């Protein structure tokens, strides 16, 4: 399978060193995800990565491509979550995402799942847990020491960073728990200060049933000063009783798209029609709808533009299972805008799994997807279309492990060919995850002693 690993760990030995295919062994919970992005950045010959480590704290490592040298991982901060022994589940919503500003300072946001009422009034939503935090490197491009920057609200979760070509920084996040607006904050001074949160997706109570409108967007750079947004709708119902317990159901439906011109402040749909912000469910259904998914649940949209500026969307969609907290395994689906309408690709051959999209041309489209087969063989692979998304073929296996599945990040920002995506291995019976940096040649190798040098910082 080309440069893929086998189900056994890759190891190379010399008299002095033994190499392994993972760069750290202390990933914790769902250590990375597509939604918190970017989790990795390639900058001036170095790939920087971040992930959730022991006690849900953020960890950072770097790989120098010319010298093939790893540094870290270093614990960059302390999360408000993961320290309460009365909670038996890992929250996972406070995973870190990162940005490097024009001065070389590294920024990380982490630690929040909506915040708590003891932190003050949340005017844009409700509360849940944790505290959204912003930390910065004390020295440019130095991942070994960090300091807290108290300049964002504590109520955020799902942090997404974007730096524009002019250096402006945008931080997008949900301003609280499920029943909260999605907002952005802008900085024009390299993250020293931020403007007030601006709402762009509105939560509100429905009139026709006991539920509240909620959303899950994913934001990326578009053309010039534009940002592009793919999102799905979450109906947050007041009560879902399953097996005698009142449980929150992750009911997510439909696919939507819009564009934000950061210079003019104008929001519009794919046809160029203006949108009033914050966007409501009614207006989204009228003007921003890409596809309806009645009877199926959606999860985690991703987006990219082709060289002609036309958007291509990936969204995982799976059958809704009545009475269950989960839907069936979701298949990656492809949508594109042809200039006048949205077109859904049919029978693409894409697998069930989550991942990111990269559009090289109107015809050449890549998906990077984690998947697991019926024999519990976990795989991270690139799937390619050369006919505009009509069909896809598996063209590169980046990693395979038996009796495993993977948590996968979004594509690394400005990726080096050897370091395109980050994954964490989930294997039965293991509490901590091995972390992999994957590229065209498979995993980036590391000295075994370095990869395992950290002592576990949590009691088993």
Protein backbone atom coordinates (compact mmCIF):
# COMPACT_ATOMS: atom_id res chain seq x y z
CA UNK A 1 0.00 0.00 0.00
CA UNK A 2 2.72 2.44 -0.94
CA UNK A 3 3.94 4.36 2.10
CA UNK A 4 1.27 3.08 4.48
CA UNK A 5 2.17 1.50 7.77
CA UNK A 6 1.14 -2.02 8.56
CA UNK A 7 -1.02 -3.03 11.51
CA UNK A 8 2.22 -3.29 13.50
CA UNK A 9 4.13 -0.20 14.61
CA UNK A 10 6.88 0.87 12.28
CA UNK A 11 10.22 0.53 14.05
CA UNK A 12 13.75 1.01 12.77
CA UNK A 13 16.73 0.20 14.94
CA UNK A 14 20.36 1.17 15.12
CA UNK A 15 22.86 0.51 17.86
CA UNK A 16 21.84 3.76 19.55
CA UNK A 17 18.29 4.64 18.47
CA UNK A 18 14.97 2.99 17.88
CA UNK A 19 12.45 4.87 15.77
CA UNK A 20 8.67 4.73 16.13
CA UNK A 21 5.92 6.11 13.94
CA UNK A 22 4.26 8.28 16.61
CA UNK A 23 5.58 11.53 18.04
CA UNK A 24 3.93 11.37 21.49
CA UNK A 25 2.08 8.81 23.58
CA UNK A 26 0.06 11.10 25.87
CA UNK A 27 -2.91 12.13 23.75
CA UNK A 28 -6.02 12.15 25.91
CA UNK A 29 -9.65 11.50 24.96
CA UNK A 30 -10.42 12.76 21.49
CA UNK A 31 -7.06 14.48 21.35
CA UNK A 32 -7.70 16.31 18.05
CA UNK A 33 -10.77 17.08 15.95
CA UNK A 34 -11.62 18.77 12.68
CA UNK A 35 -13.72 21.46 14.34
CA UNK A 36 -10.97 22.97 16.52
CA UNK A 37 -8.68 24.23 13.80
CA UNK A 38 -5.98 24.67 12.85
CA UNK A 39 -4.31 22.15 15.16
CA UNK A 40 -1.12 22.41 13.12
CA UNK A 41 0.74 25.07 11.14
CA UNK A 42 3.76 24.83 8.84
CA UNK A 43 5.85 27.99 9.23
CA UNK A 44 9.41 28.74 8.09
CA UNK A 45 10.55 25.14 7.80
CA UNK A 46 8.83 23.91 10.96
CA UNK A 47 5.52 22.15 11.56
CA UNK A 48 3.89 23.11 14.87
CA UNK A 49 1.15 20.87 16.29
CA UNK A 50 -1.13 21.01 19.31
CA UNK A 51 -3.42 18.45 20.91
CA UNK A 52 -5.30 17.55 24.10
CA UNK A 53 -3.09 15.77 26.61
CA UNK A 54 -3.46 14.49 30.19
CA UNK A 55 -6.16 16.16 32.29
CA UNK A 56 -7.44 17.83 29.08
CA UNK A 57 -4.55 20.31 29.09
CA UNK A 58 -3.09 21.61 25.79
CA UNK A 59 0.25 20.22 24.56
CA UNK A 60 2.45 21.54 21.75
CA UNK A 61 5.25 19.92 19.73
CA UNK A 62 7.25 20.94 16.66
CA UNK A 63 9.08 19.16 13.85
CA UNK A 64 11.99 20.77 11.99
CA UNK A 65 11.94 19.36 8.48
CA UNK A 66 15.54 20.06 7.47
CA UNK A 67 17.16 18.61 10.59
CA UNK A 68 14.37 16.05 11.20
CA UNK A 69 14.37 17.16 14.83
CA UNK A 70 11.36 17.00 17.14
CA UNK A 71 10.87 19.36 20.09
CA UNK A 72 8.37 18.83 22.89
CA UNK A 73 5.65 18.09 23.54
CA UNK A 74 5.38 20.82 26.15
CA UNK A 75 2.35 21.46 28.32
CA UNK A 76 1.27 24.93 27.25
CA UNK A 77 -1.52 25.66 29.71
CA UNK A 78 -3.92 24.33 32.31
CA UNK A 79 -7.55 23.65 31.42
CA UNK A 80 -10.39 24.29 33.85
CA UNK A 81 -11.74 20.91 32.74
CA UNK A 82 -10.42 17.43 33.42
CA UNK A 83 -9.63 17.99 37.11
CA UNK A 84 -12.98 17.05 38.69
CA UNK A 85 -12.90 13.46 39.98
CA UNK A 86 -16.72 13.39 40.20
CA UNK A 87 -16.97 13.59 36.41
CA UNK A 88 -16.56 10.17 34.83
CA UNK A 89 -16.38 11.37 31.22
CA UNK A 90 -13.76 13.33 29.32
CA UNK A 91 -15.44 16.52 28.09
CA UNK A 92 -13.30 16.88 24.92
CA UNK A 93 -14.74 20.27 23.90
CA UNK A 94 -11.72 22.27 25.05
CA UNK A 95 -9.16 20.88 22.62
CA UNK A 96 -6.59 23.46 21.51
CA UNK A 97 -6.33 25.28 18.20
CA UNK A 98 -3.45 27.54 17.19
CA UNK A 99 -2.35 30.56 15.17
CA UNK A 100 1.01 32.21 14.45
CA UNK A 101 0.85 35.99 14.04
CA UNK A 102 3.09 38.12 11.82
CA UNK A 103 5.55 38.68 14.68
CA UNK A 104 5.97 34.93 15.21
CA UNK A 105 4.01 34.75 18.46
CA UNK A 106 2.07 31.49 18.77
CA UNK A 107 -1.50 31.75 20.02
CA UNK A 108 -3.56 28.89 21.45
CA UNK A 109 -7.23 28.92 22.48
CA UNK A 110 -8.52 26.03 24.60
CA UNK A 111 -10.36 24.87 27.69
CA UNK A 112 -13.96 25.93 27.19
CA UNK A 113 -17.30 24.18 26.88
CA UNK A 114 -19.49 27.21 27.31
CA UNK A 115 -18.09 28.43 30.60
CA UNK A 116 -19.95 28.57 33.91
CA UNK A 117 -22.26 31.07 35.59
CA UNK A 118 -19.68 31.80 38.29
CA UNK A 119 -17.64 33.51 35.55
CA UNK A 120 -20.30 36.17 35.05
CA UNK A 121 -23.22 36.93 32.76
CA UNK A 122 -23.24 35.39 29.29
CA UNK A 123 -25.38 37.77 27.20
CA UNK A 124 -25.19 35.59 24.08
CA UNK A 125 -26.09 32.14 25.39
CA UNK A 126 -26.11 29.62 28.21
CA UNK A 127 -23.43 27.82 30.21
CA UNK A 128 -22.00 24.35 30.63
CA UNK A 129 -18.40 23.79 31.80
CA UNK A 130 -14.80 24.93 31.64
CA UNK A 131 -13.33 28.30 30.71
CA UNK A 132 -12.24 29.44 27.28
CA UNK A 133 -8.63 30.60 27.51
CA UNK A 134 -6.09 32.35 25.29
CA UNK A 135 -2.38 31.76 25.81
CA UNK A 136 0.62 33.05 23.88
CA UNK A 137 4.24 31.99 23.57
CA UNK A 138 6.59 34.14 25.64
CA UNK A 139 9.06 34.29 22.75
CA UNK A 140 8.46 34.12 18.98
CA UNK A 141 8.28 30.56 17.67
CA UNK A 142 9.27 29.15 21.06
CA UNK A 143 6.93 26.40 22.28
CA UNK A 144 8.64 25.85 25.63
CA UNK A 145 7.09 28.67 27.69
CA UNK A 146 3.66 30.30 27.67
CA UNK A 147 1.64 33.01 29.38
CA UNK A 148 -2.07 33.70 29.74
CA UNK A 149 -3.62 36.53 27.75
CA UNK A 150 -6.85 37.58 29.47
CA UNK A 151 -8.54 39.19 26.47
CA UNK A 152 -11.36 36.85 25.39
CA UNK A 153 -14.61 35.87 27.17
CA UNK A 154 -14.64 32.62 29.18
CA UNK A 155 -17.78 31.29 27.47
CA UNK A 156 -16.35 29.96 24.20
CA UNK A 157 -15.95 26.51 22.71
CA UNK A 158 -14.96 25.07 19.31
CA UNK A 159 -12.28 27.73 18.70
CA UNK A 160 -11.32 28.37 15.06
CA UNK A 161 -8.47 30.76 14.18
CA UNK A 162 -7.91 32.56 10.88
CA UNK A 163 -5.19 35.08 9.97
CA UNK A 164 -5.88 37.23 6.93
CA UNK A 165 -3.24 38.27 4.41
CA UNK A 166 -3.11 41.77 5.99
CA UNK A 167 -2.36 40.27 9.42
CA UNK A 168 -5.83 40.71 10.91
CA UNK A 169 -6.72 37.85 13.25
CA UNK A 170 -10.19 36.34 13.60
CA UNK A 171 -11.23 33.99 16.38
CA UNK A 172 -14.55 32.19 15.77
CA UNK A 173 -16.34 30.18 18.45
CA UNK A 174 -19.69 29.36 20.03
CA UNK A 175 -20.38 31.85 22.81
CA UNK A 176 -21.58 29.32 25.39
CA UNK A 177 -23.23 25.89 25.42
CA UNK A 178 -25.69 24.56 22.81
CA UNK A 179 -28.17 27.42 23.23
CA UNK A 180 -25.78 30.20 22.27
CA UNK A 181 -24.87 32.43 19.35
CA UNK A 182 -21.82 31.77 17.22
CA UNK A 183 -19.52 34.79 17.19
CA UNK A 184 -16.21 36.12 15.97
CA UNK A 185 -13.73 38.52 17.50
CA UNK A 186 -11.24 40.50 15.47
CA UNK A 187 -7.74 41.67 16.40
CA UNK A 188 -5.69 44.16 14.39
CA UNK A 189 -2.73 44.24 16.79
CA UNK A 190 -1.49 40.63 16.61
CA UNK A 191 -3.86 39.33 19.26
CA UNK A 192 -2.96 41.79 22.02
CA UNK A 193 -6.55 43.06 22.03
CA UNK A 194 -9.79 41.91 20.42
CA UNK A 195 -12.95 43.70 19.46
CA UNK A 196 -16.23 42.77 21.08
CA UNK A 197 -17.87 39.47 19.99
CA UNK A 198 -19.97 39.84 16.85
CA UNK A 199 -22.78 37.30 16.41
CA UNK A 200 -23.20 35.70 12.99
CA UNK A 201 -25.43 32.67 13.74
CA UNK A 202 -28.38 33.17 16.07
CA UNK A 203 -29.80 30.77 18.63
CA UNK A 204 -33.49 31.25 19.46
CA UNK A 205 -36.44 29.33 20.81
CA UNK A 206 -38.74 27.75 18.24
CA UNK A 207 -42.45 28.59 18.25
CA UNK A 208 -43.62 25.24 16.86
CA UNK A 209 -42.01 22.84 19.36
CA UNK A 210 -40.11 22.80 22.68
CA UNK A 211 -36.65 23.31 21.21
CA UNK A 212 -33.98 25.92 20.49
CA UNK A 213 -32.18 26.56 17.19
CA UNK A 214 -28.45 25.90 17.30
CA UNK A 215 -25.60 25.53 14.79
CA UNK A 216 -22.23 23.95 13.95
CA UNK A 217 -20.18 26.00 11.45
CA UNK A 218 -16.69 25.53 10.04
CA UNK A 219 -14.90 28.62 8.74
CA UNK A 220 -12.04 28.83 6.24
CA UNK A 221 -10.26 31.41 4.09
CA UNK A 222 -11.84 32.13 0.72
CA UNK A 223 -10.85 34.57 -2.02
CA UNK A 224 -8.97 37.71 -1.01
CA UNK A 225 -10.65 39.28 1.99
CA UNK A 226 -13.45 36.69 2.11
CA UNK A 227 -14.10 33.89 4.57
CA UNK A 228 -16.28 30.92 3.64
CA UNK A 229 -18.58 29.10 6.04
CA UNK A 230 -20.22 25.67 5.86
CA UNK A 231 -22.65 24.79 8.65
CA UNK A 232 -25.40 22.45 9.73
CA UNK A 233 -28.42 22.93 11.98
CA UNK A 234 -28.80 21.46 15.46
CA UNK A 235 -32.25 21.27 17.01
CA UNK A 236 -31.67 21.41 20.76
CA UNK A 237 -34.84 19.89 22.21
CA UNK A 238 -35.96 20.42 25.79
CA UNK A 239 -36.34 16.72 26.59
CA UNK A 240 -35.21 13.42 25.08
CA UNK A 241 -35.97 10.47 27.34
CA UNK A 242 -33.99 7.34 26.40
CA UNK A 243 -33.91 4.25 28.61
CA UNK A 244 -35.49 6.26 31.40
CA UNK A 245 -32.87 9.03 31.23
CA UNK A 246 -33.22 12.57 29.97
CA UNK A 247 -30.45 12.78 27.37
CA UNK A 248 -29.28 15.39 24.93
CA UNK A 249 -29.54 14.12 21.35
CA UNK A 250 -27.06 15.45 18.77
CA UNK A 251 -29.74 15.96 16.13
CA UNK A 252 -28.04 17.79 13.28
CA UNK A 253 -29.56 18.33 9.86
CA UNK A 254 -29.04 19.98 6.46
CA UNK A 255 -26.07 21.67 4.84
CA UNK A 256 -25.69 25.46 4.54
CA UNK A 257 -23.16 27.89 3.09
CA UNK A 258 -22.37 31.61 3.28
CA UNK A 259 -19.53 34.07 2.65
CA UNK A 260 -18.18 36.87 4.86
CA UNK A 261 -16.29 39.77 3.25
CA UNK A 262 -14.06 40.95 6.10
CA UNK A 263 -13.30 44.28 4.41
CA UNK A 264 -16.90 45.39 3.78
CA UNK A 265 -18.58 43.46 6.61
CA UNK A 266 -21.08 42.04 4.10
CA UNK A 267 -22.40 38.47 4.38
CA UNK A 268 -23.91 36.76 1.33
CA UNK A 269 -24.91 33.37 -0.06
CA UNK A 270 -23.37 31.47 -2.96
CA UNK A 271 -25.42 33.51 -5.47
CA UNK A 272 -24.24 36.80 -4.01
CA UNK A 273 -27.51 37.64 -2.26
CA UNK A 274 -27.09 39.64 0.93
CA UNK A 275 -27.75 38.00 4.30
CA UNK A 276 -28.82 39.69 7.53
CA UNK A 277 -26.58 38.77 10.44
CA UNK A 278 -26.91 37.10 12.87
CA UNK A 279 -28.53 34.57 10.58
CA UNK A 280 -31.73 32.91 11.80
CA UNK A 281 -32.99 29.43 10.93
CA UNK A 282 -35.74 30.89 8.74
CA UNK A 283 -33.33 32.98 6.67
CA UNK A 284 -30.80 30.15 6.48
CA UNK A 285 -33.47 27.83 5.07
CA UNK A 286 -34.54 30.48 2.57
CA UNK A 287 -31.19 31.72 1.28
CA UNK A 288 -28.24 29.65 2.54
CA UNK A 289 -29.46 26.05 2.09
CA UNK A 290 -27.20 23.66 0.18
CA UNK A 291 -29.07 20.41 0.84
CA UNK A 292 -31.80 19.03 3.07
CA UNK A 293 -31.09 15.79 4.92
CA UNK A 294 -34.46 14.68 6.23
CA UNK A 295 -34.18 11.29 7.91
CA UNK A 296 -30.40 11.60 8.19
CA UNK A 297 -28.10 13.28 10.66
CA UNK A 298 -25.14 15.41 9.64
CA UNK A 299 -21.76 15.89 11.28
CA UNK A 300 -18.79 18.18 10.68
CA UNK A 301 -18.79 20.04 7.40
CA UNK A 302 -15.55 21.11 5.69
CA UNK A 303 -15.03 23.41 2.72
CA UNK A 304 -12.54 24.60 0.11
CA UNK A 305 -12.62 26.64 -3.11
CA UNK A 306 -11.47 25.52 -6.54
CA UNK A 307 -9.22 27.89 -8.56
CA UNK A 308 -12.35 29.38 -10.15
CA UNK A 309 -13.59 30.40 -6.72
CA UNK A 310 -16.43 27.86 -6.60
CA UNK A 311 -16.99 26.17 -3.24
CA UNK A 312 -16.80 22.42 -2.63
CA UNK A 313 -18.22 21.00 0.59
CA UNK A 314 -17.68 17.76 2.46
CA UNK A 315 -20.29 16.74 5.03
CA UNK A 316 -20.66 13.40 6.78
CA UNK A 317 -24.27 12.18 6.64
CA UNK A 318 -25.76 9.08 8.24
CA UNK A 319 -29.14 7.48 8.78
CA UNK A 320 -31.04 8.63 11.85
CA UNK A 321 -31.75 5.81 14.29
CA UNK A 322 -35.00 6.50 16.12
CA UNK A 323 -34.68 6.34 19.90
CA UNK A 324 -30.90 6.34 19.82
CA UNK A 325 -28.46 8.97 20.97
CA UNK A 326 -26.33 8.19 17.94
CA UNK A 327 -27.03 7.93 14.23
CA UNK A 328 -25.66 5.25 11.97
CA UNK A 329 -22.08 5.59 10.74
CA UNK A 330 -21.88 8.63 8.50
CA UNK A 331 -20.57 8.68 4.94
CA UNK A 332 -18.53 11.58 3.61
CA UNK A 333 -20.65 13.37 1.00
CA UNK A 334 -19.54 15.93 -1.59
CA UNK A 335 -21.40 19.04 -2.78
CA UNK A 336 -20.29 21.76 -5.19
CA UNK A 337 -21.69 25.02 -6.51
CA UNK A 338 -21.73 25.12 -10.33
CA UNK A 339 -22.28 28.88 -10.56
CA UNK A 340 -26.06 28.77 -10.37
CA UNK A 341 -27.02 25.92 -8.04
CA UNK A 342 -25.67 23.36 -5.60
CA UNK A 343 -25.01 19.88 -6.97
CA UNK A 344 -24.72 16.77 -4.80
CA UNK A 345 -22.34 14.11 -6.07
CA UNK A 346 -23.98 10.67 -6.36
CA UNK A 347 -22.46 7.26 -5.61
CA UNK A 348 -19.02 8.73 -5.08
CA UNK A 349 -17.52 5.68 -3.42
CA UNK A 350 -16.37 7.71 -0.40
CA UNK A 351 -16.23 5.76 2.87
CA UNK A 352 -17.92 6.21 6.21
CA UNK A 353 -15.65 8.49 8.17
CA UNK A 354 -14.66 12.02 9.07
CA UNK A 355 -11.97 14.25 7.60
CA UNK A 356 -11.02 17.29 5.56
CA UNK A 357 -11.18 18.42 1.91
CA UNK A 358 -8.54 19.85 -0.43
CA UNK A 359 -9.56 21.13 -3.87
CA UNK A 360 -6.74 21.33 -6.41
CA UNK A 361 -8.88 22.16 -9.47
CA UNK A 362 -12.48 21.98 -10.61
CA UNK A 363 -11.78 18.34 -11.49
CA UNK A 364 -9.19 17.25 -8.89
CA UNK A 365 -10.55 16.96 -5.35
CA UNK A 366 -9.01 15.20 -2.35
CA UNK A 367 -10.55 14.03 0.90
CA UNK A 368 -8.41 12.97 3.87
CA UNK A 369 -10.59 10.54 5.82
CA UNK A 370 -10.28 8.32 8.87
CA UNK A 371 -12.30 5.11 8.56
CA UNK A 372 -12.62 1.65 10.11
CA UNK A 373 -13.62 -1.54 8.28
CA UNK A 374 -15.64 -4.53 9.49
CA UNK A 375 -12.45 -6.17 10.79
CA UNK A 376 -11.60 -3.21 13.06
CA UNK A 377 -8.77 -2.14 10.79
CA UNK A 378 -8.37 1.59 11.28
CA UNK A 379 -7.10 3.65 8.38
CA UNK A 380 -6.29 7.21 7.42
CA UNK A 381 -6.26 7.63 3.66
CA UNK A 382 -6.52 10.15 0.85
CA UNK A 383 -9.42 9.73 -1.58
CA UNK A 384 -9.15 11.46 -4.95
CA UNK A 385 -11.57 12.48 -7.68
CA UNK A 386 -10.37 13.52 -11.12
CA UNK A 387 -13.85 14.11 -12.52
CA UNK A 388 -15.15 16.94 -10.36
CA UNK A 389 -16.40 14.75 -7.55
CA UNK A 390 -18.50 12.28 -9.50
CA UNK A 391 -16.39 9.37 -8.25
CA UNK A 392 -13.51 8.97 -5.78
CA UNK A 393 -10.76 6.40 -5.49
CA UNK A 394 -8.45 5.67 -2.57
CA UNK A 395 -5.09 6.92 -3.82
CA UNK A 396 -2.90 7.01 -0.71
CA UNK A 397 -2.98 5.18 2.61
CA UNK A 398 -1.21 7.31 5.21
CA UNK A 399 -1.65 5.02 8.22
CA UNK A 400 -3.20 1.68 9.15
CA UNK A 401 -3.53 0.07 12.58
CA UNK A 402 -5.38 -3.09 13.58
CA UNK A 403 -8.16 -2.98 16.20
CA UNK A 404 -8.04 0.81 16.14
CA UNK A 405 -9.78 3.92 14.96
CA UNK A 406 -8.56 7.48 14.80
CA UNK A 407 -9.43 10.99 15.84
CA UNK A 408 -8.39 13.25 12.97
CA UNK A 409 -7.56 16.94 12.71
CA UNK A 410 -8.28 19.32 9.89
CA UNK A 411 -5.48 19.70 7.36
CA UNK A 412 -2.45 21.52 8.73
CA UNK A 413 -2.35 25.15 7.64
CA UNK A 414 0.03 25.67 4.70
CA UNK A 415 1.13 22.03 5.01
CA UNK A 416 4.53 20.64 4.11
CA UNK A 417 4.06 17.53 1.92
CA UNK A 418 5.56 15.37 4.68
CA UNK A 419 3.25 16.73 7.41
CA UNK A 420 -0.35 17.24 6.34
CA UNK A 421 -2.59 16.00 9.11
CA UNK A 422 -2.57 14.93 12.79
CA UNK A 423 -4.31 11.84 14.17
CA UNK A 424 -4.70 10.13 17.54
CA UNK A 425 -4.99 6.36 17.75
CA UNK A 426 -7.95 4.97 19.71
CA UNK A 427 -7.31 1.37 20.75
CA UNK A 428 -9.32 -0.73 23.23
CA UNK A 429 -7.76 -0.96 26.66
CA UNK A 430 -5.64 2.17 26.31
CA UNK A 431 -6.40 5.36 28.20
CA UNK A 432 -3.79 7.51 26.49
CA UNK A 433 -3.43 7.88 22.73
CA UNK A 434 -0.45 7.72 20.44
CA UNK A 435 -0.19 10.85 18.31
CA UNK A 436 0.86 10.72 14.64
CA UNK A 437 1.90 13.39 12.15
CA UNK A 438 1.11 12.11 8.65
CA UNK A 439 2.18 13.16 5.15
CA UNK A 440 3.10 11.86 1.73
CA UNK A 441 5.60 9.42 3.22
CA UNK A 442 3.30 8.18 5.94
CA UNK A 443 4.05 8.97 9.60
CA UNK A 444 6.89 11.29 10.57
CA UNK A 445 9.21 9.10 12.63
CA UNK A 446 10.70 9.87 16.04
CA UNK A 447 13.18 8.39 18.46
CA UNK A 448 11.24 6.06 20.75
CA UNK A 449 12.73 7.47 23.95
CA UNK A 450 11.72 10.99 22.94
CA UNK A 451 8.20 9.92 22.00
CA UNK A 452 7.75 8.19 25.35
CA UNK A 453 9.77 10.50 27.57
CA UNK A 454 6.78 12.18 29.22
CA UNK A 455 5.55 10.78 32.49
CA UNK A 456 1.78 10.41 32.64
CA UNK A 457 0.54 13.42 34.58
CA UNK A 458 -2.75 11.91 35.73
CA UNK A 459 -3.44 9.17 38.20
CA UNK A 460 -4.60 6.03 36.43
